[in-house]
Amino acid sequence: MSLNKQLAAAIRVIRRQRRLGYEDLADVSVQRHISALEQGNANPSLGKLMSLAAALDFDPVALLAICVALRDGNTPDQVLERAHAQLGDFKHLGGIKQLESEYAGSELVKRRFGKPTNIENAEAVKRLKSEGISQAETCRILGLSKSTVHRYWQKD
């Protein structure tokens, strides 16, 4: 779901609060693009959003919290509280350690091309195959597509 309109409103308000003109944001983008953002007619990349937040001297997480709050009819504080709870769960499940394993120094570890294997589905297909269940029946039982079952079936 796009946050273009919410971002437009947030940028307008923050820019006015900071008493900034389009020219003050020139490092981020051409004035025409800033105008399109403020009209809700542009979809910035994550990098562009980060640059815009920096030019506005506004934390990008706070900017995103405002946008999500507007979209969902919540307050930014509620959005941040929910995010804080999810971060706690993420950390509790070892997410920080897992993130560290995704990097070698400052470089993102390359992963194999294609869709990653869903280990639970692969094991379920392998189990049903070993029980003599057909691929078609495996699709029906697990609710998986033929191509997914076939891919896991062949890996055995």
C-alpha atoms as a PDB file:
ATOM      1  CA  MET A   1       0.000   0.000   0.000  1.00  0.00           C
ATOM      2  CA  SER A   2       1.435   3.321  -1.083  1.00  0.00           C
ATOM      3  CA  LEU A   3       2.132   6.055   1.437  1.00  0.00           C
ATOM      4  CA  ASN A   4       2.440   8.818  -1.183  1.00  0.00           C
ATOM      5  CA  LYS A   5      -0.366  11.025   0.136  1.00  0.00           C
ATOM      6  CA  GLN A   6       0.702  10.629   3.757  1.00  0.00           C
ATOM      7  CA  LEU A   7       4.291  11.411   2.819  1.00  0.00           C
ATOM      8  CA  ALA A   8       3.109  14.475   0.907  1.00  0.00           C
ATOM      9  CA  ALA A   9       1.285  15.826   3.962  1.00  0.00           C
ATOM     10  CA  ALA A  10       4.208  15.099   6.285  1.00  0.00           C
ATOM     11  CA  ILE A  11       6.752  16.756   3.986  1.00  0.00           C
ATOM     12  CA  ARG A  12       4.575  19.863   3.636  1.00  0.00           C
ATOM     13  CA  VAL A  13       4.186  20.254   7.391  1.00  0.00           C
ATOM     14  CA  ILE A  14       7.829  19.522   8.256  1.00  0.00           C
ATOM     15  CA  ARG A  15       9.097  21.831   5.511  1.00  0.00           C
ATOM     16  CA  ARG A  16       6.836  24.651   6.775  1.00  0.00           C
ATOM     17  CA  GLN A  17       7.852  24.026  10.404  1.00  0.00           C
ATOM     18  CA  ARG A  18      11.492  24.230   9.398  1.00  0.00           C
ATOM     19  CA  ARG A  19      10.780  27.278   7.199  1.00  0.00           C
ATOM     20  CA  LEU A  20      12.419  25.569   4.233  1.00  0.00           C
ATOM     21  CA  GLY A  21      11.792  26.318   0.578  1.00  0.00           C
ATOM     22  CA  TYR A  22      12.198  23.964  -2.352  1.00  0.00           C
ATOM     23  CA  GLU A  23      15.621  25.465  -2.959  1.00  0.00           C
ATOM     24  CA  ASP A  24      16.694  24.316   0.529  1.00  0.00           C
ATOM     25  CA  LEU A  25      16.041  20.755  -0.575  1.00  0.00           C
ATOM     26  CA  ALA A  26      17.932  21.092  -3.856  1.00  0.00           C
ATOM     27  CA  ASP A  27      20.569  18.580  -2.766  1.00  0.00           C
ATOM     28  CA  VAL A  28      17.854  15.940  -2.510  1.00  0.00           C
ATOM     29  CA  SER A  29      16.164  16.426  -5.841  1.00  0.00           C
ATOM     30  CA  VAL A  30      15.143  18.926  -8.428  1.00  0.00           C
ATOM     31  CA  GLN A  31      12.396  21.294  -7.321  1.00  0.00           C
ATOM     32  CA  ARG A  32       9.984  19.645  -9.755  1.00  0.00           C
ATOM     33  CA  HIS A  33      10.406  16.314  -7.936  1.00  0.00           C
ATOM     34  CA  ILE A  34       9.872  17.897  -4.500  1.00  0.00           C
ATOM     35  CA  SER A  35       6.679  19.447  -5.833  1.00  0.00           C
ATOM     36  CA  ALA A  36       5.542  16.042  -7.138  1.00  0.00           C
ATOM     37  CA  LEU A  37       6.264  14.512  -3.712  1.00  0.00           C
ATOM     38  CA  GLU A  38       4.226  17.225  -1.999  1.00  0.00           C
ATOM     39  CA  GLN A  39       1.362  16.572  -4.411  1.00  0.00           C
ATOM     40  CA  GLY A  40       1.440  12.848  -3.622  1.00  0.00           C
ATOM     41  CA  ASN A  41       2.396  12.120  -7.238  1.00  0.00           C
ATOM     42  CA  ALA A  42       5.827  10.574  -6.716  1.00  0.00           C
ATOM     43  CA  ASN A  43       7.011   7.365  -5.127  1.00  0.00           C
ATOM     44  CA  PRO A  44      10.510   7.940  -3.736  1.00  0.00           C
ATOM     45  CA  SER A  45      13.067   5.189  -3.374  1.00  0.00           C
ATOM     46  CA  LEU A  46      14.299   4.352   0.116  1.00  0.00           C
ATOM     47  CA  GLY A  47      17.551   6.169  -0.644  1.00  0.00           C
ATOM     48  CA  LYS A  48      15.673   9.267  -1.791  1.00  0.00           C
ATOM     49  CA  LEU A  49      13.499   9.145   1.335  1.00  0.00           C
ATOM     50  CA  MET A  50      16.617   8.988   3.521  1.00  0.00           C
ATOM     51  CA  SER A  51      18.138  11.957   1.671  1.00  0.00           C
ATOM     52  CA  LEU A  52      14.909  13.921   1.983  1.00  0.00           C
ATOM     53  CA  ALA A  53      14.718  13.266   5.739  1.00  0.00           C
ATOM     54  CA  ALA A  54      18.324  14.435   6.098  1.00  0.00           C
ATOM     55  CA  ALA A  55      17.611  17.613   4.112  1.00  0.00           C
ATOM     56  CA  LEU A  56      14.590  18.278   6.328  1.00  0.00           C
ATOM     57  CA  ASP A  57      16.759  17.542   9.401  1.00  0.00           C
ATOM     58  CA  PHE A  58      14.124  15.014  10.475  1.00  0.00           C
ATOM     59  CA  ASP A  59      14.665  11.431  11.578  1.00  0.00           C
ATOM     60  CA  PRO A  60      13.617   9.060   8.775  1.00  0.00           C
ATOM     61  CA  VAL A  61      12.045   6.634  11.247  1.00  0.00           C
ATOM     62  CA  ALA A  62       9.916   9.449  12.706  1.00  0.00           C
ATOM     63  CA  LEU A  63       8.942  10.524   9.175  1.00  0.00           C
ATOM     64  CA  LEU A  64       7.861   6.998   8.299  1.00  0.00           C
ATOM     65  CA  ALA A  65       6.012   6.646  11.639  1.00  0.00           C
ATOM     66  CA  ILE A  66       4.020   9.791  10.826  1.00  0.00           C
ATOM     67  CA  CYS A  67       3.110   8.423   7.386  1.00  0.00           C
ATOM     68  CA  VAL A  68       2.052   5.009   8.715  1.00  0.00           C
ATOM     69  CA  ALA A  69       0.046   6.656  11.512  1.00  0.00           C
ATOM     70  CA  LEU A  70      -1.802   8.832   9.007  1.00  0.00           C
ATOM     71  CA  ARG A  71      -2.555   5.820   6.818  1.00  0.00           C
ATOM     72  CA  ASP A  72      -3.773   3.629   9.682  1.00  0.00           C
ATOM     73  CA  GLY A  73      -5.601   6.284  11.697  1.00  0.00           C
ATOM     74  CA  ASN A  74      -3.249   5.934  14.656  1.00  0.00           C
ATOM     75  CA  THR A  75      -0.857   8.275  16.379  1.00  0.00           C
ATOM     76  CA  PRO A  76       2.851   8.187  15.576  1.00  0.00           C
ATOM     77  CA  ASP A  77       3.445   7.119  19.193  1.00  0.00           C
ATOM     78  CA  GLN A  78       1.204   4.061  18.700  1.00  0.00           C
ATOM     79  CA  VAL A  79       3.076   3.162  15.526  1.00  0.00           C
ATOM     80  CA  LEU A  80       6.426   3.462  17.308  1.00  0.00           C
ATOM     81  CA  GLU A  81       5.197   1.421  20.296  1.00  0.00           C
ATOM     82  CA  ARG A  82       4.100  -1.367  17.941  1.00  0.00           C
ATOM     83  CA  ALA A  83       7.450  -1.154  16.143  1.00  0.00           C
ATOM     84  CA  HIS A  84       9.286  -1.266  19.471  1.00  0.00           C
ATOM     85  CA  ALA A  85       7.396  -4.441  20.445  1.00  0.00           C
ATOM     86  CA  GLN A  86       8.221  -6.046  17.088  1.00  0.00           C
ATOM     87  CA  LEU A  87      11.878  -5.103  17.491  1.00  0.00           C
ATOM     88  CA  GLY A  88      11.841  -6.796  20.897  1.00  0.00           C
ATOM     89  CA  ASP A  89      10.457  -9.984  19.320  1.00  0.00           C
ATOM     90  CA  PHE A  90      13.003  -9.723  16.503  1.00  0.00           C
ATOM     91  CA  LYS A  91      15.864  -9.490  18.994  1.00  0.00           C
ATOM     92  CA  HIS A  92      14.420 -12.257  21.195  1.00  0.00           C
ATOM     93  CA  LEU A  93      14.319 -14.607  18.186  1.00  0.00           C
ATOM     94  CA  GLY A  94      17.984 -13.903  17.446  1.00  0.00           C
ATOM     95  CA  GLY A  95      17.384 -11.446  14.626  1.00  0.00           C
ATOM     96  CA  ILE A  96      20.408  -9.287  15.448  1.00  0.00           C
ATOM     97  CA  LYS A  97      22.738 -12.286  15.298  1.00  0.00           C
ATOM     98  CA  GLN A  98      21.086 -13.409  12.058  1.00  0.00           C
ATOM     99  CA  LEU A  99      21.594  -9.944  10.563  1.00  0.00           C
ATOM    100  CA  GLU A 100      25.273 -10.115  11.441  1.00  0.00           C
ATOM    101  CA  SER A 101      25.540 -13.394   9.536  1.00  0.00           C
ATOM    102  CA  GLU A 102      24.215 -11.671   6.406  1.00  0.00           C
ATOM    103  CA  TYR A 103      27.374  -9.538   6.205  1.00  0.00           C
ATOM    104  CA  ALA A 104      31.027 -10.294   5.631  1.00  0.00           C
ATOM    105  CA  GLY A 105      32.694  -7.146   6.915  1.00  0.00           C
ATOM    106  CA  SER A 106      30.680  -4.354   5.315  1.00  0.00           C
ATOM    107  CA  GLU A 107      29.580  -6.446   2.321  1.00  0.00           C
ATOM    108  CA  LEU A 108      26.247  -8.219   2.037  1.00  0.00           C
ATOM    109  CA  VAL A 109      26.774 -11.976   1.739  1.00  0.00           C
ATOM    110  CA  LYS A 110      25.664 -13.182  -1.672  1.00  0.00           C
ATOM    111  CA  ARG A 111      22.919 -15.737  -1.715  1.00  0.00           C
ATOM    112  CA  ARG A 112      22.084 -18.198  -4.438  1.00  0.00           C
ATOM    113  CA  PHE A 113      19.839 -17.027  -7.237  1.00  0.00           C
ATOM    114  CA  GLY A 114      16.211 -18.050  -7.212  1.00  0.00           C
ATOM    115  CA  LYS A 115      13.621 -18.415  -4.538  1.00  0.00           C
ATOM    116  CA  PRO A 116      14.976 -19.536  -1.146  1.00  0.00           C
ATOM    117  CA  THR A 117      13.900 -22.981   0.024  1.00  0.00           C
ATOM    118  CA  ASN A 118      11.102 -23.125   2.584  1.00  0.00           C
ATOM    119  CA  ILE A 119      12.569 -25.836   4.803  1.00  0.00           C
ATOM    120  CA  GLU A 120       9.240 -26.767   6.425  1.00  0.00           C
ATOM    121  CA  ASN A 121       7.552 -27.224   3.038  1.00  0.00           C
ATOM    122  CA  ALA A 122      10.520 -29.136   1.641  1.00  0.00           C
ATOM    123  CA  GLU A 123      10.507 -31.514   4.606  1.00  0.00           C
ATOM    124  CA  ALA A 124       6.734 -32.000   4.351  1.00  0.00           C
ATOM    125  CA  VAL A 125       7.031 -32.859   0.646  1.00  0.00           C
ATOM    126  CA  LYS A 126       9.896 -35.267   1.365  1.00  0.00           C
ATOM    127  CA  ARG A 127       7.870 -36.953   4.130  1.00  0.00           C
ATOM    128  CA  LEU A 128       4.773 -37.375   1.922  1.00  0.00           C
ATOM    129  CA  LYS A 129       6.922 -38.669  -0.943  1.00  0.00           C
ATOM    130  CA  SER A 130       8.481 -41.268   1.366  1.00  0.00           C
ATOM    131  CA  GLU A 131       4.955 -42.331   2.376  1.00  0.00           C
ATOM    132  CA  GLY A 132       4.161 -43.022  -1.285  1.00  0.00           C
ATOM    133  CA  ILE A 133       1.824 -40.055  -1.723  1.00  0.00           C
ATOM    134  CA  SER A 134       1.652 -38.721  -5.301  1.00  0.00           C
ATOM    135  CA  GLN A 135       2.767 -35.234  -6.256  1.00  0.00           C
ATOM    136  CA  ALA A 136      -0.824 -34.219  -7.052  1.00  0.00           C
ATOM    137  CA  GLU A 137      -2.063 -35.423  -3.663  1.00  0.00           C
ATOM    138  CA  THR A 138       0.899 -33.696  -1.965  1.00  0.00           C
ATOM    139  CA  CYS A 139      -0.154 -30.420  -3.642  1.00  0.00           C
ATOM    140  CA  ARG A 140      -3.680 -30.849  -2.306  1.00  0.00           C
ATOM    141  CA  ILE A 141      -2.618 -31.849   1.218  1.00  0.00           C
ATOM    142  CA  LEU A 142      -0.057 -29.056   1.644  1.00  0.00           C
ATOM    143  CA  GLY A 143      -1.822 -26.409  -0.429  1.00  0.00           C
ATOM    144  CA  LEU A 144       1.307 -25.879  -2.519  1.00  0.00           C
ATOM    145  CA  SER A 145       1.570 -25.276  -6.252  1.00  0.00           C
ATOM    146  CA  LYS A 146       2.559 -28.087  -8.624  1.00  0.00           C
ATOM    147  CA  SER A 147       5.814 -26.331  -9.463  1.00  0.00           C
ATOM    148  CA  THR A 148       6.779 -25.949  -5.797  1.00  0.00           C
ATOM    149  CA  VAL A 149       6.031 -29.596  -4.990  1.00  0.00           C
ATOM    150  CA  HIS A 150       7.875 -30.728  -8.134  1.00  0.00           C
ATOM    151  CA  ARG A 151      10.934 -28.641  -7.225  1.00  0.00           C
ATOM    152  CA  TYR A 152      11.117 -30.129  -3.693  1.00  0.00           C
ATOM    153  CA  TRP A 153      10.283 -33.605  -5.041  1.00  0.00           C
ATOM    154  CA  GLN A 154      13.265 -33.492  -7.419  1.00  0.00           C
ATOM    155  CA  LYS A 155      15.715 -32.327  -4.745  1.00  0.00           C
ATOM    156  CA  ASP A 156      15.340 -35.592  -2.843  1.00  0.00           C
END
